[in-house]
Structure formats: structure tokens, C-alpha cells
Amino acid sequence: MPHQLCTFHVIAELVKGILRAVASERKRLEASKPKLKRGRPSSKDKEARRLVRKGKDMQQKISDFFQYRFLFVKRRWKASDHKQCMHITRGLPHLRKLREIMDHIYKLFDRRCRTQTALDKLKKLRHWVNRFTWIGDTLKKVFSPNLEKALTFLDDKLLPATSNAVERGNRRHRKMQKSVYRVRCMACLEARIALDMIREAHAQGRDQTTQTLHAARLGYT
């Protein structure tokens, strides 16, 4: 069976791209803020007071983008989340498109559809992303072949997606093995390697014993 790519790794890369696009929009707004003179503007200078109000509004929008940046990558929205996102993206339709793209990415990994259906959705999504030239390399992971390989589990109900907890357990096991072989002295390492070799040598016998026990249990039932 081919190795199943972990879907949460693929989605994590796409989430990083969306958040990077939101951060670049914050930087663009910060650079486009009106340049003001030092001090408080005169009450008679209406243009300066207008620029001050515009700068405050833009700074508030920048703060909202940072505070609610998780809304652009949240998987399931509440009614309040939708209302808040529509409020902070007012006048910025391209950021709303980013959220729509993220929704389509999540729908790719819906287990209610088959692999071919997901691949057709992916083809439309790539064509859609190509139309937005302003995205640039933000969502280049959409065109990665790993995204297609991560969709192979949709046709097999017995092949679930690898969870983050399983990956943490694997990393914990590898880290423990490193610590075991790192802090031991040479004599302990030789003994540990010898025990591992003995265990591997008796692995076939253990498998035969396990199969015999299983066969005997099935015979009694």
C-alpha cells in the first residue's frame, strides 16, 4: 500500500500561505497610511483633520486584521464569525476571496466525496487561483503534487487520515530513542544493541507463536 500523506501537513502549509497573505495586506495598509505632521492639527485645517481620521480608521483595520486573523483559516464558522469577517474586510474584496479559497480547500478533504470528485474540485480551484495574479506565491502549495497524493484516502474507508496526535506519538517515540542512545556509555550502548539484535532474531518465532495462539482461539470459538 502506498504511503498515505498526512492531510493536516498539507492543510498547515496552505494555512500558512493564507496567513502570510493577510500579513502582507497589513503591511500594505501600514505603508499607505497618510503622512501627518507632528502635533495636533488645527481646528481650521479640515484636510489635516480628515487625514487624522483616515489614519485612525486604517490603524483600527490593521489591528482588526491581526486580532481576527484566525477567521481567515477557521474551519467552521459561527454566525458571529461571519459577521465579524464581513465587517473587517469591508472595502477589501480580495481578502474575502482568500476566505472562499480556504473554504474550497477544506471541502477537498470531505470524506463524503470520492477521490475523482475531489480531483475535479482541485482542478477548478487551481484554475480559480490562477485568475488572481495578486496572490503570487502565497498559495503555491495548491499546485503541489502532494495535494493530489493526500486525496488518495477518500476512496478507502479503512484508510483514515493520519491525525496530529499520531504524529506527536511518533515524534515522542523517536525523541525517546534518541535520548536512550545519546546519554548511554559505550558499554550500555553495546548491551542495548545486543538486546535489540536478540529481539529481532526471535521476532519470527514470536510471530509464529502469536499466529498459533490466534488459530487455537478461533478453533475454540
Protein backbone atom coordinates (compact mmCIF):
# COMPACT_ATOMS: atom_id res chain seq x y z
CA MET A 1 0.00 0.00 0.00
CA PRO A 2 1.45 3.43 -0.87
CA HIS A 3 2.31 5.73 2.00
CA GLN A 4 -0.60 7.98 2.95
CA LEU A 5 0.41 11.62 3.09
CA CYS A 6 -0.79 13.32 6.25
CA THR A 7 -3.55 15.71 5.26
CA PHE A 8 -3.01 18.05 8.17
CA HIS A 9 0.55 18.73 6.93
CA VAL A 10 -0.80 19.82 3.54
CA ILE A 11 -3.52 21.96 5.12
CA ALA A 12 -0.99 23.51 7.51
CA GLU A 13 1.11 24.73 4.59
CA LEU A 14 -1.96 26.26 2.92
CA VAL A 15 -2.98 27.91 6.20
CA LYS A 16 0.46 29.48 6.45
CA GLY A 17 0.02 30.87 2.93
CA ILE A 18 -3.34 32.43 3.80
CA LEU A 19 -1.96 33.99 6.98
CA ARG A 20 1.04 35.27 5.02
CA ALA A 21 -1.31 36.97 2.57
CA VAL A 22 -3.21 38.62 5.44
CA ALA A 23 0.08 39.81 6.94
CA SER A 24 1.16 41.31 3.61
CA GLU A 25 -2.15 43.16 3.44
CA ARG A 26 -1.50 44.59 6.89
CA LYS A 27 1.92 45.79 5.75
CA ARG A 28 0.38 47.36 2.65
CA LEU A 29 -2.16 49.26 4.76
CA GLU A 30 0.57 50.36 7.14
CA ALA A 31 2.63 51.74 4.25
CA SER A 32 -0.37 53.52 2.71
CA LYS A 33 -1.32 55.41 5.87
CA PRO A 34 -1.34 59.19 5.30
CA LYS A 35 1.76 61.07 6.40
CA LEU A 36 0.87 63.61 9.07
CA LYS A 37 2.78 66.48 10.58
CA ARG A 38 3.82 66.39 14.19
CA GLY A 39 1.42 67.69 16.76
CA ARG A 40 -2.33 68.11 16.84
CA PRO A 41 -3.84 69.58 13.66
CA SER A 42 -5.52 72.96 13.79
CA SER A 43 -9.30 73.05 14.11
CA LYS A 44 -9.43 75.20 10.98
CA ASP A 45 -7.38 72.79 8.88
CA LYS A 46 -10.13 70.44 7.72
CA GLU A 47 -7.87 68.47 5.38
CA ALA A 48 -5.43 67.63 8.15
CA ARG A 49 -8.25 66.57 10.47
CA ARG A 50 -9.66 64.38 7.70
CA LEU A 51 -6.27 62.70 7.27
CA VAL A 52 -6.09 62.10 11.01
CA ARG A 53 -9.48 60.36 10.98
CA LYS A 54 -8.44 58.31 7.96
CA GLY A 55 -5.22 57.25 9.67
CA LYS A 56 -7.10 56.19 12.79
CA ASP A 57 -9.55 54.14 10.73
CA MET A 58 -6.72 52.41 8.88
CA GLN A 59 -4.89 51.68 12.12
CA GLN A 60 -8.05 50.16 13.57
CA LYS A 61 -8.43 47.99 10.46
CA ILE A 62 -4.80 46.86 10.80
CA SER A 63 -5.43 45.94 14.44
CA ASP A 64 -8.57 44.02 13.47
CA PHE A 65 -6.67 42.07 10.82
CA PHE A 66 -4.12 40.99 13.42
CA GLN A 67 -6.65 40.22 16.14
CA TYR A 68 -9.07 38.28 13.91
CA ARG A 69 -6.57 36.73 11.50
CA PHE A 70 -7.72 33.26 12.61
CA LEU A 71 -11.08 33.89 10.93
CA PHE A 72 -9.44 33.53 7.50
CA VAL A 73 -8.37 29.95 8.26
CA LYS A 74 -11.03 28.77 10.73
CA ARG A 75 -12.67 25.59 9.52
CA ARG A 76 -16.16 26.05 10.92
CA TRP A 77 -17.69 29.48 11.29
CA LYS A 78 -20.33 30.74 13.67
CA ALA A 79 -22.77 33.45 12.68
CA SER A 80 -20.76 35.97 14.72
CA ASP A 81 -17.53 34.94 12.92
CA HIS A 82 -19.11 35.55 9.52
CA LYS A 83 -20.42 38.93 10.62
CA GLN A 84 -17.02 39.94 12.04
CA CYS A 85 -15.15 38.87 8.91
CA MET A 86 -17.53 40.77 6.66
CA HIS A 87 -17.01 43.84 8.84
CA ILE A 88 -13.20 43.85 8.85
CA THR A 89 -12.95 43.07 5.10
CA ARG A 90 -15.29 45.88 4.06
CA GLY A 91 -13.77 47.54 1.01
CA LEU A 92 -11.27 44.68 0.55
CA PRO A 93 -12.99 42.06 -1.63
CA HIS A 94 -9.74 40.23 -2.41
CA LEU A 95 -9.44 39.17 1.24
CA ARG A 96 -12.94 37.74 1.08
CA LYS A 97 -11.79 35.71 -1.92
CA LEU A 98 -8.98 34.31 0.22
CA ARG A 99 -11.54 33.06 2.70
CA GLU A 100 -13.58 31.47 -0.10
CA ILE A 101 -10.45 29.73 -1.37
CA MET A 102 -9.79 28.35 2.11
CA ASP A 103 -13.37 27.02 2.26
CA HIS A 104 -12.84 25.19 -1.02
CA ILE A 105 -9.58 23.72 0.29
CA TYR A 106 -11.35 22.31 3.33
CA LYS A 107 -14.07 20.84 1.08
CA LEU A 108 -11.43 18.90 -0.84
CA PHE A 109 -10.87 16.65 2.17
CA ASP A 110 -14.54 15.94 2.76
CA ARG A 111 -14.94 12.18 3.21
CA ARG A 112 -18.42 12.30 1.68
CA CYS A 113 -16.89 12.65 -1.81
CA ARG A 114 -14.63 10.28 -3.71
CA THR A 115 -11.11 10.88 -4.96
CA GLN A 116 -12.13 11.67 -8.54
CA THR A 117 -14.68 14.22 -7.33
CA ALA A 118 -12.02 15.84 -5.12
CA LEU A 119 -9.57 15.93 -8.04
CA ASP A 120 -12.18 17.68 -10.19
CA LYS A 121 -12.71 20.22 -7.41
CA LEU A 122 -8.94 20.68 -7.16
CA LYS A 123 -8.70 21.33 -10.91
CA LYS A 124 -11.35 24.06 -10.68
CA LEU A 125 -9.67 25.52 -7.60
CA ARG A 126 -6.30 25.75 -9.37
CA HIS A 127 -7.91 27.44 -12.36
CA TRP A 128 -9.60 29.86 -9.97
CA VAL A 129 -6.37 30.67 -8.11
CA ASN A 130 -4.58 31.31 -11.42
CA ARG A 131 -7.05 34.09 -12.17
CA PHE A 132 -5.93 36.08 -9.12
CA THR A 133 -2.49 37.31 -10.09
CA TRP A 134 -2.19 39.39 -6.93
CA ILE A 135 -1.88 36.20 -4.86
CA GLY A 136 1.54 35.43 -6.33
CA ASP A 137 3.38 32.68 -4.46
CA THR A 138 1.06 32.87 -1.47
CA LEU A 139 -0.88 29.74 -2.43
CA LYS A 140 1.74 27.93 -4.48
CA LYS A 141 1.09 24.83 -2.36
CA VAL A 142 -2.23 24.47 -4.18
CA PHE A 143 -0.24 23.38 -7.24
CA SER A 144 1.90 20.90 -5.28
CA PRO A 145 1.60 17.23 -6.33
CA ASN A 146 1.45 16.30 -2.64
CA LEU A 147 -2.03 17.78 -2.53
CA GLU A 148 -3.23 15.23 -5.08
CA LYS A 149 -1.49 12.38 -3.23
CA ALA A 150 -3.13 13.42 0.04
CA LEU A 151 -6.55 12.83 -1.54
CA THR A 152 -5.97 9.12 -2.24
CA PHE A 153 -7.55 8.02 1.06
CA LEU A 154 -11.01 9.30 0.15
CA ASP A 155 -11.99 6.08 -1.66
CA ASP A 156 -10.92 3.80 1.21
CA LYS A 157 -13.00 3.91 4.36
CA LEU A 158 -10.43 1.72 6.16
CA LEU A 159 -7.63 4.23 5.50
CA PRO A 160 -8.35 7.27 7.66
CA ALA A 161 -6.33 10.42 7.62
CA THR A 162 -3.36 10.44 9.98
CA SER A 163 -4.15 12.58 12.99
CA ASN A 164 -1.89 15.09 14.65
CA ALA A 165 -1.94 13.00 17.84
CA VAL A 166 -0.47 10.01 16.00
CA GLU A 167 2.30 12.17 14.58
CA ARG A 168 3.04 13.54 18.05
CA GLY A 169 3.27 10.00 19.36
CA ASN A 170 5.69 9.04 16.59
CA ARG A 171 7.83 12.09 17.29
CA ARG A 172 7.75 11.30 21.01
CA HIS A 173 8.94 7.74 20.32
CA ARG A 174 11.77 8.93 18.07
CA LYS A 175 12.80 11.53 20.64
CA MET A 176 12.85 8.87 23.36
CA GLN A 177 15.01 6.59 21.21
CA LYS A 178 17.45 9.44 20.60
CA SER A 179 17.70 10.18 24.30
CA VAL A 180 18.27 6.49 25.05
CA TYR A 181 21.14 6.17 22.59
CA ARG A 182 22.58 9.62 23.34
CA VAL A 183 23.22 9.56 27.09
CA ARG A 184 24.40 5.96 27.48
CA CYS A 185 28.04 4.99 27.76
CA MET A 186 29.68 2.67 25.26
CA ALA A 187 29.10 -0.48 27.33
CA CYS A 188 25.41 0.34 27.76
CA LEU A 189 25.08 1.06 24.04
CA GLU A 190 26.66 -2.28 23.15
CA ALA A 191 24.34 -4.08 25.55
CA ARG A 192 21.31 -2.23 24.19
CA ILE A 193 22.26 -3.03 20.59
CA ALA A 194 22.83 -6.69 21.54
CA LEU A 195 19.37 -6.86 23.12
CA ASP A 196 17.83 -5.31 20.03
CA MET A 197 19.60 -7.85 17.81
CA ILE A 198 18.44 -10.75 20.00
CA ARG A 199 14.88 -9.43 19.90
CA GLU A 200 14.99 -9.17 16.11
CA ALA A 201 16.42 -12.69 15.87
CA HIS A 202 13.49 -14.12 17.84
CA ALA A 203 10.90 -11.99 16.06
CA GLN A 204 9.95 -14.76 13.62
CA GLY A 205 9.40 -17.24 16.42
CA ARG A 206 7.24 -14.79 18.31
CA ASP A 207 5.13 -14.20 15.21
CA GLN A 208 4.61 -17.94 14.76
CA THR A 209 3.60 -18.30 18.41
CA THR A 210 1.14 -15.43 18.08
CA GLN A 211 -0.40 -16.91 14.95
CA THR A 212 -0.70 -20.34 16.61
CA LEU A 213 -2.47 -18.80 19.60
CA HIS A 214 -4.84 -16.91 17.34
CA ALA A 215 -5.58 -20.04 15.33
CA ALA A 216 -6.22 -22.02 18.51
CA ARG A 217 -8.54 -19.34 19.83
CA LEU A 218 -10.50 -19.29 16.57
CA GLY A 219 -10.77 -23.04 16.72
CA TYR A 220 -12.29 -22.99 20.18
CA THR A 221 -14.85 -20.32 19.15
